[in-house]
Amino acid sequence: MRRPLRTAWRCEVTADGLLVRAEHAATPTQALIWMRVSVRTLLSGFDAEHRDRTFRWLDHGQWEAVIRLRAGEPYAYTARAGGRVVDWSARPVRVLPVATVTAVPRRWIPRCGT
């Protein structure tokens, strides 16, 4: 019996193109929450222009992300922090099912008397 592949979301943060952190989210909402928390973590280090733009995105601009992620499309947000370009992205990925392992009962082995 084949089970359908389920969709998860791969969330990544990169700095100057180098992967800094990656996580998996089970739903688009969890992916967006991960992005928002990760962006807030670095917000104080953003350049002034990007800090203001990010505050606007956090307040009411992430609706595009919600719509795109729920539609199964990737989404990315970019800002500058300390001269580095930092990208946050979330994209849908197919997750292969993991085979379940059933415990094989061991035959009873008598203990030696000690």
C-alpha atoms as a PDB file:
ATOM      1  CA  MET A   1       0.000   0.000   0.000  1.00  0.00           C
ATOM      2  CA  ARG A   2       1.437   3.342  -0.997  1.00  0.00           C
ATOM      3  CA  ARG A   3       0.873   6.285   1.237  1.00  0.00           C
ATOM      4  CA  PRO A   4       0.721   9.717  -0.360  1.00  0.00           C
ATOM      5  CA  LEU A   5       3.694  11.964   0.287  1.00  0.00           C
ATOM      6  CA  ARG A   6       2.923  14.699   2.762  1.00  0.00           C
ATOM      7  CA  THR A   7       4.052  18.278   2.399  1.00  0.00           C
ATOM      8  CA  ALA A   8       6.284  20.025   4.920  1.00  0.00           C
ATOM      9  CA  TRP A   9       8.033  23.394   4.702  1.00  0.00           C
ATOM     10  CA  ARG A  10      11.798  23.824   4.714  1.00  0.00           C
ATOM     11  CA  CYS A  11      12.755  27.039   6.469  1.00  0.00           C
ATOM     12  CA  GLU A  12      16.225  28.488   5.990  1.00  0.00           C
ATOM     13  CA  VAL A  13      18.187  31.563   6.949  1.00  0.00           C
ATOM     14  CA  THR A  14      21.293  32.410   4.935  1.00  0.00           C
ATOM     15  CA  ALA A  15      23.869  35.174   5.305  1.00  0.00           C
ATOM     16  CA  ASP A  16      25.664  36.197   2.121  1.00  0.00           C
ATOM     17  CA  GLY A  17      24.480  32.968   0.508  1.00  0.00           C
ATOM     18  CA  LEU A  18      25.810  30.682   3.252  1.00  0.00           C
ATOM     19  CA  LEU A  19      23.339  28.527   5.141  1.00  0.00           C
ATOM     20  CA  VAL A  20      23.141  29.613   8.775  1.00  0.00           C
ATOM     21  CA  ARG A  21      20.190  27.569   9.992  1.00  0.00           C
ATOM     22  CA  ALA A  22      17.542  25.257   8.591  1.00  0.00           C
ATOM     23  CA  GLU A  23      14.388  23.871  10.146  1.00  0.00           C
ATOM     24  CA  HIS A  24      11.339  21.961   8.998  1.00  0.00           C
ATOM     25  CA  ALA A  25       7.784  23.063   9.715  1.00  0.00           C
ATOM     26  CA  ALA A  26       4.706  20.877   9.465  1.00  0.00           C
ATOM     27  CA  THR A  27       2.367  23.654   8.301  1.00  0.00           C
ATOM     28  CA  PRO A  28       2.628  26.962   6.434  1.00  0.00           C
ATOM     29  CA  THR A  29       1.616  28.757   9.629  1.00  0.00           C
ATOM     30  CA  GLN A  30       4.491  27.164  11.560  1.00  0.00           C
ATOM     31  CA  ALA A  31       6.883  28.134   8.747  1.00  0.00           C
ATOM     32  CA  LEU A  32       5.777  31.765   8.963  1.00  0.00           C
ATOM     33  CA  ILE A  33       6.046  31.755  12.763  1.00  0.00           C
ATOM     34  CA  TRP A  34       9.613  30.424  12.434  1.00  0.00           C
ATOM     35  CA  MET A  35      10.457  33.187   9.944  1.00  0.00           C
ATOM     36  CA  ARG A  36       8.964  35.905  12.150  1.00  0.00           C
ATOM     37  CA  VAL A  37      10.795  34.735  15.287  1.00  0.00           C
ATOM     38  CA  SER A  38      14.063  34.403  13.396  1.00  0.00           C
ATOM     39  CA  VAL A  39      13.705  37.868  11.843  1.00  0.00           C
ATOM     40  CA  ARG A  40      12.930  39.405  15.239  1.00  0.00           C
ATOM     41  CA  THR A  41      16.040  37.784  16.699  1.00  0.00           C
ATOM     42  CA  LEU A  42      18.289  39.752  14.330  1.00  0.00           C
ATOM     43  CA  LEU A  43      16.144  42.881  14.014  1.00  0.00           C
ATOM     44  CA  SER A  44      18.326  45.059  16.245  1.00  0.00           C
ATOM     45  CA  GLY A  45      21.317  44.460  13.949  1.00  0.00           C
ATOM     46  CA  PHE A  46      19.548  45.549  10.748  1.00  0.00           C
ATOM     47  CA  ASP A  47      20.528  48.681   8.871  1.00  0.00           C
ATOM     48  CA  ALA A  48      18.090  51.546   9.622  1.00  0.00           C
ATOM     49  CA  GLU A  49      16.254  51.371   6.291  1.00  0.00           C
ATOM     50  CA  HIS A  50      15.804  47.604   6.530  1.00  0.00           C
ATOM     51  CA  ARG A  51      14.780  47.804  10.194  1.00  0.00           C
ATOM     52  CA  ASP A  52      11.911  50.159   9.335  1.00  0.00           C
ATOM     53  CA  ARG A  53      10.841  47.993   6.385  1.00  0.00           C
ATOM     54  CA  THR A  54      10.978  44.889   8.584  1.00  0.00           C
ATOM     55  CA  PHE A  55       8.835  46.507  11.288  1.00  0.00           C
ATOM     56  CA  ARG A  56       6.231  47.234   8.595  1.00  0.00           C
ATOM     57  CA  TRP A  57       6.461  43.628   7.369  1.00  0.00           C
ATOM     58  CA  LEU A  58       6.068  42.270  10.903  1.00  0.00           C
ATOM     59  CA  ASP A  59       3.094  44.570  11.580  1.00  0.00           C
ATOM     60  CA  HIS A  60       1.037  43.911   8.471  1.00  0.00           C
ATOM     61  CA  GLY A  61       3.166  42.976   5.484  1.00  0.00           C
ATOM     62  CA  GLN A  62       3.470  39.240   5.918  1.00  0.00           C
ATOM     63  CA  TRP A  63       0.028  38.533   4.422  1.00  0.00           C
ATOM     64  CA  GLU A  64       1.718  37.878   1.093  1.00  0.00           C
ATOM     65  CA  ALA A  65       3.780  35.193   2.818  1.00  0.00           C
ATOM     66  CA  VAL A  66       0.660  33.620   4.334  1.00  0.00           C
ATOM     67  CA  ILE A  67      -1.101  33.489   0.976  1.00  0.00           C
ATOM     68  CA  ARG A  68       1.903  32.153  -0.925  1.00  0.00           C
ATOM     69  CA  LEU A  69       2.844  29.511   1.652  1.00  0.00           C
ATOM     70  CA  ARG A  70      -0.727  28.253   1.930  1.00  0.00           C
ATOM     71  CA  ALA A  71      -0.855  28.023  -1.872  1.00  0.00           C
ATOM     72  CA  GLY A  72       2.222  25.786  -1.755  1.00  0.00           C
ATOM     73  CA  GLU A  73       4.562  28.447  -3.158  1.00  0.00           C
ATOM     74  CA  PRO A  74       7.956  29.440  -1.755  1.00  0.00           C
ATOM     75  CA  TYR A  75       8.434  32.750   0.039  1.00  0.00           C
ATOM     76  CA  ALA A  76      11.578  34.709   0.925  1.00  0.00           C
ATOM     77  CA  TYR A  77      12.359  37.868   2.879  1.00  0.00           C
ATOM     78  CA  THR A  78      15.678  39.726   2.595  1.00  0.00           C
ATOM     79  CA  ALA A  79      17.294  42.379   4.792  1.00  0.00           C
ATOM     80  CA  ARG A  80      20.738  43.840   5.446  1.00  0.00           C
ATOM     81  CA  ALA A  81      22.346  43.387   8.835  1.00  0.00           C
ATOM     82  CA  GLY A  82      25.801  44.768   9.531  1.00  0.00           C
ATOM     83  CA  GLY A  83      26.772  44.853   5.874  1.00  0.00           C
ATOM     84  CA  ARG A  84      25.587  41.294   5.240  1.00  0.00           C
ATOM     85  CA  VAL A  85      22.614  40.255   3.152  1.00  0.00           C
ATOM     86  CA  VAL A  86      20.411  37.966   5.224  1.00  0.00           C
ATOM     87  CA  ASP A  87      17.681  35.887   3.553  1.00  0.00           C
ATOM     88  CA  TRP A  88      14.857  33.996   5.225  1.00  0.00           C
ATOM     89  CA  SER A  89      12.998  31.520   3.079  1.00  0.00           C
ATOM     90  CA  ALA A  90      10.343  28.854   3.366  1.00  0.00           C
ATOM     91  CA  ARG A  91       9.436  26.428   0.623  1.00  0.00           C
ATOM     92  CA  PRO A  92       7.268  23.338   0.394  1.00  0.00           C
ATOM     93  CA  VAL A  93       9.007  19.977   0.240  1.00  0.00           C
ATOM     94  CA  ARG A  94       7.673  16.445  -0.067  1.00  0.00           C
ATOM     95  CA  VAL A  95       8.432  14.237   2.894  1.00  0.00           C
ATOM     96  CA  LEU A  96       9.036  10.557   2.375  1.00  0.00           C
ATOM     97  CA  PRO A  97       7.264   8.314   4.859  1.00  0.00           C
ATOM     98  CA  VAL A  98       9.520   6.612   7.335  1.00  0.00           C
ATOM     99  CA  ALA A  99       9.118   2.878   7.611  1.00  0.00           C
ATOM    100  CA  THR A 100       7.891   1.790  10.983  1.00  0.00           C
ATOM    101  CA  VAL A 101       9.955  -0.760  12.786  1.00  0.00           C
ATOM    102  CA  THR A 102       8.069  -3.369  14.683  1.00  0.00           C
ATOM    103  CA  ALA A 103       9.817  -5.072  17.525  1.00  0.00           C
ATOM    104  CA  VAL A 104      10.395  -8.725  16.875  1.00  0.00           C
ATOM    105  CA  PRO A 105       9.695 -10.668  20.048  1.00  0.00           C
ATOM    106  CA  ARG A 106      12.807 -12.302  21.367  1.00  0.00           C
ATOM    107  CA  ARG A 107      12.628 -15.882  22.348  1.00  0.00           C
ATOM    108  CA  TRP A 108      12.810 -16.413  26.032  1.00  0.00           C
ATOM    109  CA  ILE A 109      16.354 -17.266  27.052  1.00  0.00           C
ATOM    110  CA  PRO A 110      16.743 -18.818  30.462  1.00  0.00           C
ATOM    111  CA  ARG A 111      19.043 -16.963  32.813  1.00  0.00           C
ATOM    112  CA  CYS A 112      22.015 -18.699  34.182  1.00  0.00           C
ATOM    113  CA  GLY A 113      21.990 -19.091  37.941  1.00  0.00           C
ATOM    114  CA  THR A 114      24.513 -16.904  39.676  1.00  0.00           C
END
